Amino acid sequence: MMRTHEFTADLEIVGVNPFVTVPSAILQKIFKAAGKEKSPIPICGAVNDKPYQQNLMFFKGQWRLYVNMKMLKNSPQRIGETLQMTFAYDTEPRLIEQPQPLKEALAANPDAQEVFEALTPSKQLEINRYIAKLKSQEAIERNVARAIGFLLGKNRFVGRDKP
């Protein structure tokens, strides 16, 4: 059974990223539930009663829950605000099915398919997620072509030079 923890936290910022600091007692319980103390740790809960699913991250010597604008409207403008948080280790799988256009393009290009399969699971997820979030057919086609070019070492994709 998933145990939910409640706390209040002030919204802080590092660079351009709003975040909250999770109390150490709750962190220890999350580490135990996750069976690890290495980021990322999948979590879920609510910010001011709005549900979210996010990763707990360790950065610059501190565990942080980054609060994006999907979680909290206008979060960068709300620094210093005290937030009501619920927080739990998320046991739900976070799989993204490979988009069909990418699947077809990889099947048509065995060299790109081989490179894709050799990528770490997180890099595969990054490519799948990027393509899956696109809305227009034109954007999907353009970016699938860019992804194949990237896998073949011809161009950049998702901010990366080489696979």
C-alpha atoms as a PDB file:
ATOM      1  CA  MET A   1       0.000   0.000   0.000  1.00  0.00           C
ATOM      2  CA  MET A   2       1.311   3.431  -0.977  1.00  0.00           C
ATOM      3  CA  ARG A   3       1.907   5.689   2.039  1.00  0.00           C
ATOM      4  CA  THR A   4       1.237   9.391   1.482  1.00  0.00           C
ATOM      5  CA  HIS A   5       3.118  12.021   3.446  1.00  0.00           C
ATOM      6  CA  GLU A   6       1.894  15.595   3.995  1.00  0.00           C
ATOM      7  CA  PHE A   7       3.947  18.726   4.609  1.00  0.00           C
ATOM      8  CA  THR A   8       4.157  22.410   3.808  1.00  0.00           C
ATOM      9  CA  ALA A   9       7.124  23.865   1.968  1.00  0.00           C
ATOM     10  CA  ASP A  10       8.167  27.234   0.627  1.00  0.00           C
ATOM     11  CA  LEU A  11       8.632  27.375  -3.126  1.00  0.00           C
ATOM     12  CA  GLU A  12      12.305  28.100  -3.840  1.00  0.00           C
ATOM     13  CA  ILE A  13      14.304  28.450  -7.040  1.00  0.00           C
ATOM     14  CA  VAL A  14      17.654  27.219  -8.323  1.00  0.00           C
ATOM     15  CA  GLY A  15      18.623  28.711 -11.669  1.00  0.00           C
ATOM     16  CA  VAL A  16      15.276  28.931 -13.451  1.00  0.00           C
ATOM     17  CA  ASN A  17      13.770  25.876 -11.747  1.00  0.00           C
ATOM     18  CA  PRO A  18      11.217  26.252  -8.929  1.00  0.00           C
ATOM     19  CA  PHE A  19      11.413  23.488  -6.323  1.00  0.00           C
ATOM     20  CA  VAL A  20      10.498  22.489  -2.798  1.00  0.00           C
ATOM     21  CA  THR A  21      12.750  20.860  -0.233  1.00  0.00           C
ATOM     22  CA  VAL A  22      11.344  17.632   1.155  1.00  0.00           C
ATOM     23  CA  PRO A  23      11.730  17.131   4.924  1.00  0.00           C
ATOM     24  CA  SER A  24      14.481  14.621   5.721  1.00  0.00           C
ATOM     25  CA  ALA A  25      12.165  12.345   7.735  1.00  0.00           C
ATOM     26  CA  ILE A  26       9.920  11.977   4.666  1.00  0.00           C
ATOM     27  CA  LEU A  27      12.950  11.469   2.402  1.00  0.00           C
ATOM     28  CA  GLN A  28      14.076   8.544   4.549  1.00  0.00           C
ATOM     29  CA  LYS A  29      10.639   6.918   4.232  1.00  0.00           C
ATOM     30  CA  ILE A  30      10.643   7.474   0.457  1.00  0.00           C
ATOM     31  CA  PHE A  31      14.147   5.965   0.174  1.00  0.00           C
ATOM     32  CA  LYS A  32      12.948   2.916   2.111  1.00  0.00           C
ATOM     33  CA  ALA A  33       9.834   2.539  -0.068  1.00  0.00           C
ATOM     34  CA  ALA A  34      11.894   2.956  -3.257  1.00  0.00           C
ATOM     35  CA  GLY A  35      14.664   0.671  -2.063  1.00  0.00           C
ATOM     36  CA  LYS A  36      17.261   3.209  -3.166  1.00  0.00           C
ATOM     37  CA  GLU A  37      18.795   6.585  -2.402  1.00  0.00           C
ATOM     38  CA  LYS A  38      19.757   7.487  -5.962  1.00  0.00           C
ATOM     39  CA  SER A  39      17.815   9.825  -8.234  1.00  0.00           C
ATOM     40  CA  PRO A  40      15.518   9.843  -9.998  1.00  0.00           C
ATOM     41  CA  ILE A  41      12.905   8.466  -7.621  1.00  0.00           C
ATOM     42  CA  PRO A  42       9.355   8.440  -9.027  1.00  0.00           C
ATOM     43  CA  ILE A  43       6.834  10.138  -6.774  1.00  0.00           C
ATOM     44  CA  CYS A  44       3.253  11.320  -6.931  1.00  0.00           C
ATOM     45  CA  GLY A  45       0.999  13.450  -4.793  1.00  0.00           C
ATOM     46  CA  ALA A  46      -0.630  16.864  -4.883  1.00  0.00           C
ATOM     47  CA  VAL A  47       0.470  20.497  -4.770  1.00  0.00           C
ATOM     48  CA  ASN A  48      -2.281  22.619  -3.207  1.00  0.00           C
ATOM     49  CA  ASP A  49      -4.692  19.714  -3.911  1.00  0.00           C
ATOM     50  CA  LYS A  50      -3.701  19.450  -7.607  1.00  0.00           C
ATOM     51  CA  PRO A  51      -2.416  15.944  -8.420  1.00  0.00           C
ATOM     52  CA  TYR A  52       1.024  15.483  -9.972  1.00  0.00           C
ATOM     53  CA  GLN A  53       3.451  12.783 -11.004  1.00  0.00           C
ATOM     54  CA  GLN A  54       7.123  13.778 -10.900  1.00  0.00           C
ATOM     55  CA  ASN A  55      10.629  12.569 -10.072  1.00  0.00           C
ATOM     56  CA  LEU A  56      12.486  13.418  -6.905  1.00  0.00           C
ATOM     57  CA  MET A  57      15.980  14.555  -7.936  1.00  0.00           C
ATOM     58  CA  PHE A  58      19.321  15.010  -6.187  1.00  0.00           C
ATOM     59  CA  PHE A  59      21.128  18.149  -7.412  1.00  0.00           C
ATOM     60  CA  LYS A  60      23.980  20.188  -5.933  1.00  0.00           C
ATOM     61  CA  GLY A  61      23.978  18.238  -2.682  1.00  0.00           C
ATOM     62  CA  GLN A  62      20.232  18.484  -2.076  1.00  0.00           C
ATOM     63  CA  TRP A  63      17.142  16.387  -2.797  1.00  0.00           C
ATOM     64  CA  ARG A  64      14.555  18.516  -4.598  1.00  0.00           C
ATOM     65  CA  LEU A  65      11.072  18.177  -5.943  1.00  0.00           C
ATOM     66  CA  TYR A  66      10.981  20.438  -8.978  1.00  0.00           C
ATOM     67  CA  VAL A  67       7.635  22.183  -9.366  1.00  0.00           C
ATOM     68  CA  ASN A  68       6.846  22.867 -13.001  1.00  0.00           C
ATOM     69  CA  MET A  69       3.985  24.943 -14.393  1.00  0.00           C
ATOM     70  CA  LYS A  70       1.941  21.816 -15.091  1.00  0.00           C
ATOM     71  CA  MET A  71       2.013  21.111 -11.351  1.00  0.00           C
ATOM     72  CA  LEU A  72       1.526  24.722 -10.212  1.00  0.00           C
ATOM     73  CA  LYS A  73       0.320  27.467 -12.524  1.00  0.00           C
ATOM     74  CA  ASN A  74       2.880  30.299 -12.902  1.00  0.00           C
ATOM     75  CA  SER A  75       5.281  28.550 -10.526  1.00  0.00           C
ATOM     76  CA  PRO A  76       8.303  30.745 -11.444  1.00  0.00           C
ATOM     77  CA  GLN A  77       6.354  33.835 -10.359  1.00  0.00           C
ATOM     78  CA  ARG A  78       5.310  32.244  -7.053  1.00  0.00           C
ATOM     79  CA  ILE A  79       8.720  31.882  -5.383  1.00  0.00           C
ATOM     80  CA  GLY A  80       8.376  32.223  -1.604  1.00  0.00           C
ATOM     81  CA  GLU A  81       4.775  30.976  -1.528  1.00  0.00           C
ATOM     82  CA  THR A  82       4.059  28.254   1.049  1.00  0.00           C
ATOM     83  CA  LEU A  83       2.622  25.159  -0.631  1.00  0.00           C
ATOM     84  CA  GLN A  84       0.539  22.323   0.776  1.00  0.00           C
ATOM     85  CA  MET A  85       2.207  19.115  -0.404  1.00  0.00           C
ATOM     86  CA  THR A  86       1.309  15.463  -0.426  1.00  0.00           C
ATOM     87  CA  PHE A  87       4.033  13.109  -1.423  1.00  0.00           C
ATOM     88  CA  ALA A  88       4.385   9.348  -1.970  1.00  0.00           C
ATOM     89  CA  TYR A  89       6.683   6.902  -3.700  1.00  0.00           C
ATOM     90  CA  ASP A  90       5.024   6.150  -7.041  1.00  0.00           C
ATOM     91  CA  THR A  91       4.850   2.439  -7.804  1.00  0.00           C
ATOM     92  CA  GLU A  92       2.977   2.881 -11.091  1.00  0.00           C
ATOM     93  CA  PRO A  93       5.044   2.071 -14.192  1.00  0.00           C
ATOM     94  CA  ARG A  94       5.887   5.083 -16.329  1.00  0.00           C
ATOM     95  CA  LEU A  95       6.101   3.528 -19.720  1.00  0.00           C
ATOM     96  CA  ILE A  96       5.574   5.377 -22.946  1.00  0.00           C
ATOM     97  CA  GLU A  97       4.657   3.226 -25.891  1.00  0.00           C
ATOM     98  CA  GLN A  98       6.843   3.846 -28.905  1.00  0.00           C
ATOM     99  CA  PRO A  99       4.889   6.017 -31.367  1.00  0.00           C
ATOM    100  CA  GLN A 100       3.834   4.069 -34.464  1.00  0.00           C
ATOM    101  CA  PRO A 101       5.512   6.466 -36.962  1.00  0.00           C
ATOM    102  CA  LEU A 102       8.840   6.064 -35.137  1.00  0.00           C
ATOM    103  CA  LYS A 103       8.373   2.292 -34.903  1.00  0.00           C
ATOM    104  CA  GLU A 104       7.759   2.128 -38.683  1.00  0.00           C
ATOM    105  CA  ALA A 105      10.733   4.392 -39.479  1.00  0.00           C
ATOM    106  CA  LEU A 106      13.057   2.268 -37.340  1.00  0.00           C
ATOM    107  CA  ALA A 107      11.771  -0.938 -38.954  1.00  0.00           C
ATOM    108  CA  ALA A 108      12.515   0.584 -42.378  1.00  0.00           C
ATOM    109  CA  ASN A 109      16.057   1.530 -41.338  1.00  0.00           C
ATOM    110  CA  PRO A 110      17.930  -1.378 -39.695  1.00  0.00           C
ATOM    111  CA  ASP A 111      21.037   0.744 -38.989  1.00  0.00           C
ATOM    112  CA  ALA A 112      19.008   3.302 -37.051  1.00  0.00           C
ATOM    113  CA  GLN A 113      17.120   0.475 -35.298  1.00  0.00           C
ATOM    114  CA  GLU A 114      20.421  -1.061 -34.160  1.00  0.00           C
ATOM    115  CA  VAL A 115      21.659   2.258 -32.747  1.00  0.00           C
ATOM    116  CA  PHE A 116      18.309   2.889 -31.029  1.00  0.00           C
ATOM    117  CA  GLU A 117      18.355  -0.534 -29.368  1.00  0.00           C
ATOM    118  CA  ALA A 118      21.917   0.111 -28.117  1.00  0.00           C
ATOM    119  CA  LEU A 119      20.853   3.362 -26.386  1.00  0.00           C
ATOM    120  CA  THR A 120      20.284   3.384 -22.658  1.00  0.00           C
ATOM    121  CA  PRO A 121      16.631   2.928 -21.674  1.00  0.00           C
ATOM    122  CA  SER A 122      16.489   6.561 -20.506  1.00  0.00           C
ATOM    123  CA  LYS A 123      17.648   7.841 -23.922  1.00  0.00           C
ATOM    124  CA  GLN A 124      15.160   5.580 -25.692  1.00  0.00           C
ATOM    125  CA  LEU A 125      12.450   6.951 -23.396  1.00  0.00           C
ATOM    126  CA  GLU A 126      13.552  10.516 -24.136  1.00  0.00           C
ATOM    127  CA  ILE A 127      13.148   9.990 -27.900  1.00  0.00           C
ATOM    128  CA  ASN A 128       9.836   8.126 -27.541  1.00  0.00           C
ATOM    129  CA  ARG A 129       8.459  10.764 -25.163  1.00  0.00           C
ATOM    130  CA  TYR A 130       9.488  13.632 -27.447  1.00  0.00           C
ATOM    131  CA  ILE A 131       7.767  12.099 -30.492  1.00  0.00           C
ATOM    132  CA  ALA A 132       4.709  10.995 -28.470  1.00  0.00           C
ATOM    133  CA  LYS A 133       4.026  14.536 -27.231  1.00  0.00           C
ATOM    134  CA  LEU A 134       3.922  16.086 -30.705  1.00  0.00           C
ATOM    135  CA  LYS A 135       0.458  17.076 -31.919  1.00  0.00           C
ATOM    136  CA  SER A 136       0.484  17.703 -35.671  1.00  0.00           C
ATOM    137  CA  GLN A 137       1.196  15.036 -38.252  1.00  0.00           C
ATOM    138  CA  GLU A 138       3.677  17.404 -39.910  1.00  0.00           C
ATOM    139  CA  ALA A 139       5.641  17.847 -36.676  1.00  0.00           C
ATOM    140  CA  ILE A 140       5.630  14.088 -36.075  1.00  0.00           C
ATOM    141  CA  GLU A 141       6.932  13.329 -39.582  1.00  0.00           C
ATOM    142  CA  ARG A 142       9.587  16.054 -39.395  1.00  0.00           C
ATOM    143  CA  ASN A 143      10.832  14.911 -36.006  1.00  0.00           C
ATOM    144  CA  VAL A 144      10.786  11.199 -36.818  1.00  0.00           C
ATOM    145  CA  ALA A 145      13.052  12.042 -39.787  1.00  0.00           C
ATOM    146  CA  ARG A 146      15.293  14.074 -37.451  1.00  0.00           C
ATOM    147  CA  ALA A 147      15.379  11.192 -34.954  1.00  0.00           C
ATOM    148  CA  ILE A 148      16.463   8.741 -37.673  1.00  0.00           C
ATOM    149  CA  GLY A 149      19.129  11.207 -38.848  1.00  0.00           C
ATOM    150  CA  PHE A 150      20.317  11.586 -35.267  1.00  0.00           C
ATOM    151  CA  LEU A 151      20.564   7.824 -34.803  1.00  0.00           C
ATOM    152  CA  LEU A 152      22.632   7.653 -38.003  1.00  0.00           C
ATOM    153  CA  GLY A 153      24.947  10.421 -36.740  1.00  0.00           C
ATOM    154  CA  LYS A 154      23.803  13.018 -39.288  1.00  0.00           C
ATOM    155  CA  ASN A 155      22.223  15.691 -37.083  1.00  0.00           C
ATOM    156  CA  ARG A 156      21.290  16.808 -33.563  1.00  0.00           C
ATOM    157  CA  PHE A 157      18.071  15.746 -31.874  1.00  0.00           C
ATOM    158  CA  VAL A 158      16.538  16.489 -28.457  1.00  0.00           C
ATOM    159  CA  GLY A 159      19.539  18.687 -27.691  1.00  0.00           C
ATOM    160  CA  ARG A 160      22.080  15.942 -28.309  1.00  0.00           C
ATOM    161  CA  ASP A 161      24.896  15.747 -30.835  1.00  0.00           C
ATOM    162  CA  LYS A 162      25.469  11.990 -30.934  1.00  0.00           C
ATOM    163  CA  PRO A 163      23.553   8.920 -29.816  1.00  0.00           C
END
